[in-house]
Amino acid sequence: MTAPMQRTLEIAADHPAYAGHFPAMPVLPGAVLIDAVLGAVDEARHLDMTQWRIGVAKFSSAVRPGEPLIVEHEISASGAIHFTIRSSRRTVASGTLIPAARAQAP
């Protein structure tokens, strides 16, 4: 495994996704979280993220507007990228990114 890397995710409290995702009780859609993870991994590791696929993604807790988020990611011995997103001490999402070539293998 490579050394874990961390980055603060800054999702604006007025992000447009909140408006349409349960207006009475806004939560951040998982797609926005995954997009933020891909951006963080790309920035830190300089990988072409179009060559990666989501192997597994688990969303375990809602993210409310303005919540501080941290993403941690590391590359395993198998070459997969494991990520975890936390807000304070609670995990809000986790998953694995795999190389696209491996995702398409029979």
N, C-alpha and C. Protein backbone atom coordinates (compact mmCIF):
# COMPACT_ATOMS: atom_id res chain seq x y z
N MET A 1 0.83 -1.19 0.00
CA MET A 1 0.00 0.00 0.00
C MET A 1 0.87 1.25 0.00
N THR A 2 0.35 2.28 -0.62
CA THR A 2 1.02 3.58 -0.55
C THR A 2 0.59 4.26 0.75
N ALA A 3 1.30 5.28 1.11
CA ALA A 3 0.93 6.05 2.30
C ALA A 3 -0.41 6.73 2.06
N PRO A 4 -1.28 6.72 3.06
CA PRO A 4 -2.57 7.41 2.91
C PRO A 4 -2.36 8.90 2.71
N MET A 5 -3.20 9.50 1.89
CA MET A 5 -3.18 10.94 1.66
C MET A 5 -4.53 11.49 2.11
N GLN A 6 -4.51 12.69 2.65
CA GLN A 6 -5.74 13.34 3.11
C GLN A 6 -5.92 14.68 2.44
N ARG A 7 -7.17 15.07 2.31
CA ARG A 7 -7.48 16.39 1.77
C ARG A 7 -8.83 16.83 2.31
N THR A 8 -8.94 18.10 2.62
CA THR A 8 -10.22 18.66 2.99
C THR A 8 -11.07 18.82 1.73
N LEU A 9 -12.31 18.38 1.81
CA LEU A 9 -13.24 18.58 0.69
C LEU A 9 -14.07 19.81 1.00
N GLU A 10 -14.09 20.73 0.09
CA GLU A 10 -14.87 21.94 0.30
C GLU A 10 -16.08 21.93 -0.63
N ILE A 11 -17.22 21.59 -0.04
CA ILE A 11 -18.48 21.59 -0.77
C ILE A 11 -19.27 22.78 -0.22
N ALA A 12 -19.51 23.76 -1.06
CA ALA A 12 -20.20 24.98 -0.60
C ALA A 12 -21.57 24.67 -0.02
N ALA A 13 -21.91 25.34 1.05
CA ALA A 13 -23.22 25.14 1.69
C ALA A 13 -24.37 25.49 0.75
N ASP A 14 -24.08 26.33 -0.25
CA ASP A 14 -25.12 26.69 -1.22
C ASP A 14 -24.97 25.94 -2.55
N HIS A 15 -24.27 24.80 -2.52
CA HIS A 15 -24.11 23.98 -3.74
C HIS A 15 -25.50 23.69 -4.31
N PRO A 16 -25.67 23.83 -5.62
CA PRO A 16 -27.00 23.64 -6.22
C PRO A 16 -27.61 22.25 -5.98
N ALA A 17 -26.80 21.25 -5.74
CA ALA A 17 -27.34 19.91 -5.52
C ALA A 17 -28.20 19.83 -4.26
N TYR A 18 -27.90 20.67 -3.28
CA TYR A 18 -28.70 20.67 -2.05
C TYR A 18 -30.14 21.11 -2.32
N ALA A 19 -30.32 22.06 -3.23
CA ALA A 19 -31.64 22.63 -3.49
C ALA A 19 -32.65 21.57 -3.95
N GLY A 20 -32.21 20.65 -4.78
CA GLY A 20 -33.13 19.66 -5.31
C GLY A 20 -33.10 18.33 -4.60
N HIS A 21 -32.24 18.20 -3.64
CA HIS A 21 -32.09 16.91 -2.95
C HIS A 21 -32.64 17.05 -1.54
N PHE A 22 -33.94 16.94 -1.46
CA PHE A 22 -34.70 17.06 -0.22
C PHE A 22 -34.69 18.49 0.31
N PRO A 23 -35.39 19.40 -0.37
CA PRO A 23 -35.38 20.82 0.02
C PRO A 23 -35.71 21.08 1.49
N ALA A 24 -36.59 20.32 2.08
CA ALA A 24 -36.94 20.56 3.48
C ALA A 24 -35.84 20.10 4.44
N MET A 25 -35.04 19.17 3.98
CA MET A 25 -33.95 18.63 4.80
C MET A 25 -32.80 18.28 3.85
N PRO A 26 -32.06 19.27 3.36
CA PRO A 26 -31.06 19.03 2.31
C PRO A 26 -29.90 18.13 2.74
N VAL A 27 -29.56 17.20 1.86
CA VAL A 27 -28.38 16.35 2.02
C VAL A 27 -27.62 16.34 0.70
N LEU A 28 -26.33 16.12 0.80
CA LEU A 28 -25.49 16.11 -0.39
C LEU A 28 -25.63 14.77 -1.11
N PRO A 29 -25.94 14.78 -2.40
CA PRO A 29 -26.05 13.52 -3.15
C PRO A 29 -24.71 12.78 -3.22
N GLY A 30 -24.78 11.47 -3.24
CA GLY A 30 -23.57 10.64 -3.34
C GLY A 30 -22.75 10.95 -4.57
N ALA A 31 -23.40 11.30 -5.68
CA ALA A 31 -22.66 11.61 -6.91
C ALA A 31 -21.72 12.80 -6.70
N VAL A 32 -22.14 13.77 -5.91
CA VAL A 32 -21.28 14.93 -5.64
C VAL A 32 -20.09 14.51 -4.78
N LEU A 33 -20.33 13.63 -3.82
CA LEU A 33 -19.23 13.12 -3.00
C LEU A 33 -18.22 12.35 -3.85
N ILE A 34 -18.71 11.48 -4.73
CA ILE A 34 -17.80 10.71 -5.60
C ILE A 34 -17.01 11.64 -6.50
N ASP A 35 -17.66 12.65 -7.06
CA ASP A 35 -16.95 13.61 -7.90
C ASP A 35 -15.85 14.31 -7.11
N ALA A 36 -16.13 14.66 -5.87
CA ALA A 36 -15.11 15.30 -5.02
C ALA A 36 -13.95 14.36 -4.73
N VAL A 37 -14.25 13.08 -4.52
CA VAL A 37 -13.18 12.08 -4.30
C VAL A 37 -12.30 11.98 -5.55
N LEU A 38 -12.93 11.88 -6.72
CA LEU A 38 -12.15 11.78 -7.96
C LEU A 38 -11.24 13.00 -8.14
N GLY A 39 -11.76 14.17 -7.84
CA GLY A 39 -10.94 15.38 -7.94
C GLY A 39 -9.78 15.37 -6.96
N ALA A 40 -10.03 14.92 -5.74
CA ALA A 40 -8.97 14.86 -4.72
C ALA A 40 -7.89 13.87 -5.11
N VAL A 41 -8.30 12.70 -5.60
CA VAL A 41 -7.32 11.67 -6.01
C VAL A 41 -6.52 12.17 -7.21
N ASP A 42 -7.20 12.75 -8.17
CA ASP A 42 -6.51 13.28 -9.36
C ASP A 42 -5.49 14.34 -8.96
N GLU A 43 -5.88 15.26 -8.10
CA GLU A 43 -4.98 16.33 -7.68
C GLU A 43 -3.76 15.79 -6.92
N ALA A 44 -3.99 14.82 -6.05
CA ALA A 44 -2.91 14.30 -5.22
C ALA A 44 -2.00 13.32 -5.95
N ARG A 45 -2.58 12.51 -6.80
CA ARG A 45 -1.82 11.41 -7.41
C ARG A 45 -1.57 11.59 -8.91
N HIS A 46 -2.14 12.62 -9.49
CA HIS A 46 -1.94 12.92 -10.92
C HIS A 46 -2.28 11.72 -11.80
N LEU A 47 -3.47 11.16 -11.58
CA LEU A 47 -3.94 10.04 -12.37
C LEU A 47 -5.04 10.50 -13.33
N ASP A 48 -5.13 9.84 -14.46
CA ASP A 48 -6.22 10.11 -15.40
C ASP A 48 -7.45 9.39 -14.88
N MET A 49 -8.33 10.09 -14.22
CA MET A 49 -9.46 9.45 -13.56
C MET A 49 -10.48 8.89 -14.54
N THR A 50 -10.36 9.23 -15.84
CA THR A 50 -11.25 8.61 -16.82
C THR A 50 -10.89 7.15 -17.03
N GLN A 51 -9.74 6.75 -16.52
CA GLN A 51 -9.28 5.36 -16.65
C GLN A 51 -9.57 4.54 -15.40
N TRP A 52 -10.42 5.06 -14.53
CA TRP A 52 -10.78 4.38 -13.28
C TRP A 52 -12.29 4.24 -13.19
N ARG A 53 -12.73 3.22 -12.48
CA ARG A 53 -14.15 2.95 -12.27
C ARG A 53 -14.41 2.75 -10.78
N ILE A 54 -15.66 2.95 -10.39
CA ILE A 54 -16.04 2.69 -9.00
C ILE A 54 -16.25 1.20 -8.85
N GLY A 55 -15.45 0.59 -7.98
CA GLY A 55 -15.62 -0.83 -7.69
C GLY A 55 -16.71 -1.02 -6.65
N VAL A 56 -16.65 -0.22 -5.60
CA VAL A 56 -17.61 -0.26 -4.50
C VAL A 56 -17.75 1.15 -3.96
N ALA A 57 -18.96 1.53 -3.59
CA ALA A 57 -19.19 2.79 -2.90
C ALA A 57 -20.29 2.57 -1.87
N LYS A 58 -20.04 3.00 -0.66
CA LYS A 58 -21.01 2.86 0.42
C LYS A 58 -21.20 4.24 1.06
N PHE A 59 -22.45 4.65 1.14
CA PHE A 59 -22.80 5.93 1.75
C PHE A 59 -23.48 5.62 3.08
N SER A 60 -22.80 5.95 4.16
CA SER A 60 -23.27 5.50 5.47
C SER A 60 -23.87 6.58 6.35
N SER A 61 -23.77 7.84 5.94
CA SER A 61 -24.30 8.93 6.75
C SER A 61 -24.53 10.15 5.86
N ALA A 62 -25.61 10.86 6.11
CA ALA A 62 -25.95 12.05 5.32
C ALA A 62 -24.98 13.19 5.59
N VAL A 63 -24.75 13.98 4.55
CA VAL A 63 -23.92 15.19 4.66
C VAL A 63 -24.83 16.39 4.51
N ARG A 64 -24.85 17.23 5.52
CA ARG A 64 -25.68 18.43 5.54
C ARG A 64 -24.88 19.63 5.03
N PRO A 65 -25.57 20.67 4.58
CA PRO A 65 -24.87 21.85 4.09
C PRO A 65 -23.89 22.41 5.12
N GLY A 66 -22.69 22.72 4.64
CA GLY A 66 -21.68 23.35 5.48
C GLY A 66 -20.85 22.39 6.33
N GLU A 67 -21.12 21.09 6.27
CA GLU A 67 -20.34 20.14 7.07
C GLU A 67 -18.91 20.06 6.56
N PRO A 68 -17.93 20.09 7.47
CA PRO A 68 -16.53 19.92 7.04
C PRO A 68 -16.28 18.44 6.70
N LEU A 69 -15.60 18.21 5.59
CA LEU A 69 -15.33 16.85 5.14
C LEU A 69 -13.85 16.65 4.88
N ILE A 70 -13.37 15.45 5.18
CA ILE A 70 -11.99 15.04 4.90
C ILE A 70 -12.06 13.75 4.10
N VAL A 71 -11.30 13.68 3.00
CA VAL A 71 -11.18 12.42 2.27
C VAL A 71 -9.77 11.88 2.49
N GLU A 72 -9.69 10.59 2.74
CA GLU A 72 -8.41 9.91 2.85
C GLU A 72 -8.40 8.81 1.80
N HIS A 73 -7.28 8.66 1.09
CA HIS A 73 -7.19 7.63 0.06
C HIS A 73 -5.80 7.04 0.03
N GLU A 74 -5.75 5.76 -0.34
CA GLU A 74 -4.47 5.07 -0.47
C GLU A 74 -4.60 4.00 -1.55
N ILE A 75 -3.47 3.67 -2.14
CA ILE A 75 -3.44 2.64 -3.17
C ILE A 75 -3.00 1.33 -2.52
N SER A 76 -3.80 0.29 -2.72
CA SER A 76 -3.50 -1.00 -2.13
C SER A 76 -2.49 -1.77 -2.98
N ALA A 77 -2.02 -2.87 -2.46
CA ALA A 77 -1.06 -3.72 -3.18
C ALA A 77 -1.66 -4.22 -4.50
N SER A 78 -2.99 -4.36 -4.55
CA SER A 78 -3.65 -4.84 -5.78
C SER A 78 -3.78 -3.74 -6.83
N GLY A 79 -3.48 -2.49 -6.45
CA GLY A 79 -3.59 -1.37 -7.38
C GLY A 79 -4.89 -0.60 -7.25
N ALA A 80 -5.81 -1.06 -6.43
CA ALA A 80 -7.07 -0.35 -6.21
C ALA A 80 -6.83 0.84 -5.28
N ILE A 81 -7.66 1.84 -5.41
CA ILE A 81 -7.60 3.01 -4.52
C ILE A 81 -8.76 2.91 -3.54
N HIS A 82 -8.44 2.85 -2.28
CA HIS A 82 -9.46 2.81 -1.23
C HIS A 82 -9.62 4.22 -0.68
N PHE A 83 -10.88 4.65 -0.50
CA PHE A 83 -11.12 5.99 0.03
C PHE A 83 -12.14 5.95 1.15
N THR A 84 -12.03 6.93 2.03
CA THR A 84 -12.98 7.14 3.12
C THR A 84 -13.21 8.64 3.24
N ILE A 85 -14.47 9.02 3.37
CA ILE A 85 -14.83 10.42 3.60
C ILE A 85 -15.41 10.50 5.01
N ARG A 86 -14.88 11.45 5.79
CA ARG A 86 -15.34 11.62 7.17
C ARG A 86 -15.78 13.06 7.41
N SER A 87 -16.71 13.18 8.33
CA SER A 87 -17.10 14.48 8.87
C SER A 87 -16.93 14.35 10.37
N SER A 88 -16.02 15.11 10.92
CA SER A 88 -15.62 14.94 12.32
C SER A 88 -15.13 13.50 12.48
N ARG A 89 -15.74 12.76 13.36
CA ARG A 89 -15.28 11.38 13.59
C ARG A 89 -16.16 10.33 12.91
N ARG A 90 -17.20 10.76 12.22
CA ARG A 90 -18.08 9.78 11.60
C ARG A 90 -17.77 9.61 10.11
N THR A 91 -17.82 8.37 9.66
CA THR A 91 -17.62 8.07 8.25
C THR A 91 -18.92 8.34 7.51
N VAL A 92 -18.84 9.11 6.43
CA VAL A 92 -20.04 9.38 5.64
C VAL A 92 -20.05 8.56 4.35
N ALA A 93 -18.88 8.16 3.86
CA ALA A 93 -18.81 7.34 2.65
C ALA A 93 -17.45 6.65 2.60
N SER A 94 -17.43 5.53 1.89
CA SER A 94 -16.17 4.82 1.66
C SER A 94 -16.33 4.01 0.39
N GLY A 95 -15.20 3.57 -0.14
CA GLY A 95 -15.29 2.78 -1.35
C GLY A 95 -13.94 2.47 -1.95
N THR A 96 -14.01 1.93 -3.16
CA THR A 96 -12.82 1.50 -3.88
C THR A 96 -12.94 1.91 -5.34
N LEU A 97 -11.86 2.44 -5.86
CA LEU A 97 -11.74 2.74 -7.28
C LEU A 97 -10.81 1.71 -7.89
N ILE A 98 -11.17 1.20 -9.06
CA ILE A 98 -10.34 0.20 -9.72
C ILE A 98 -9.99 0.66 -11.13
N PRO A 99 -8.84 0.25 -11.63
CA PRO A 99 -8.49 0.62 -13.01
C PRO A 99 -9.53 0.12 -13.98
N ALA A 100 -9.89 0.93 -14.97
CA ALA A 100 -10.93 0.57 -15.93
C ALA A 100 -10.62 -0.72 -16.66
N ALA A 101 -9.36 -0.94 -17.00
CA ALA A 101 -8.98 -2.18 -17.73
C ALA A 101 -9.34 -3.41 -16.90
N ARG A 102 -9.13 -3.35 -15.60
CA ARG A 102 -9.45 -4.48 -14.74
C ARG A 102 -10.96 -4.62 -14.58
N ALA A 103 -11.68 -3.51 -14.60
CA ALA A 103 -13.14 -3.56 -14.46
C ALA A 103 -13.78 -4.23 -15.65
N GLN A 104 -13.15 -4.17 -16.83
CA GLN A 104 -13.72 -4.74 -18.05
C GLN A 104 -13.23 -6.15 -18.33
N ALA A 105 -12.29 -6.65 -17.57
CA ALA A 105 -11.76 -7.99 -17.82
C ALA A 105 -12.85 -9.03 -17.59
N PRO A 106 -12.83 -10.12 -18.37
CA PRO A 106 -13.88 -11.14 -18.23
C PRO A 106 -13.81 -11.87 -16.90
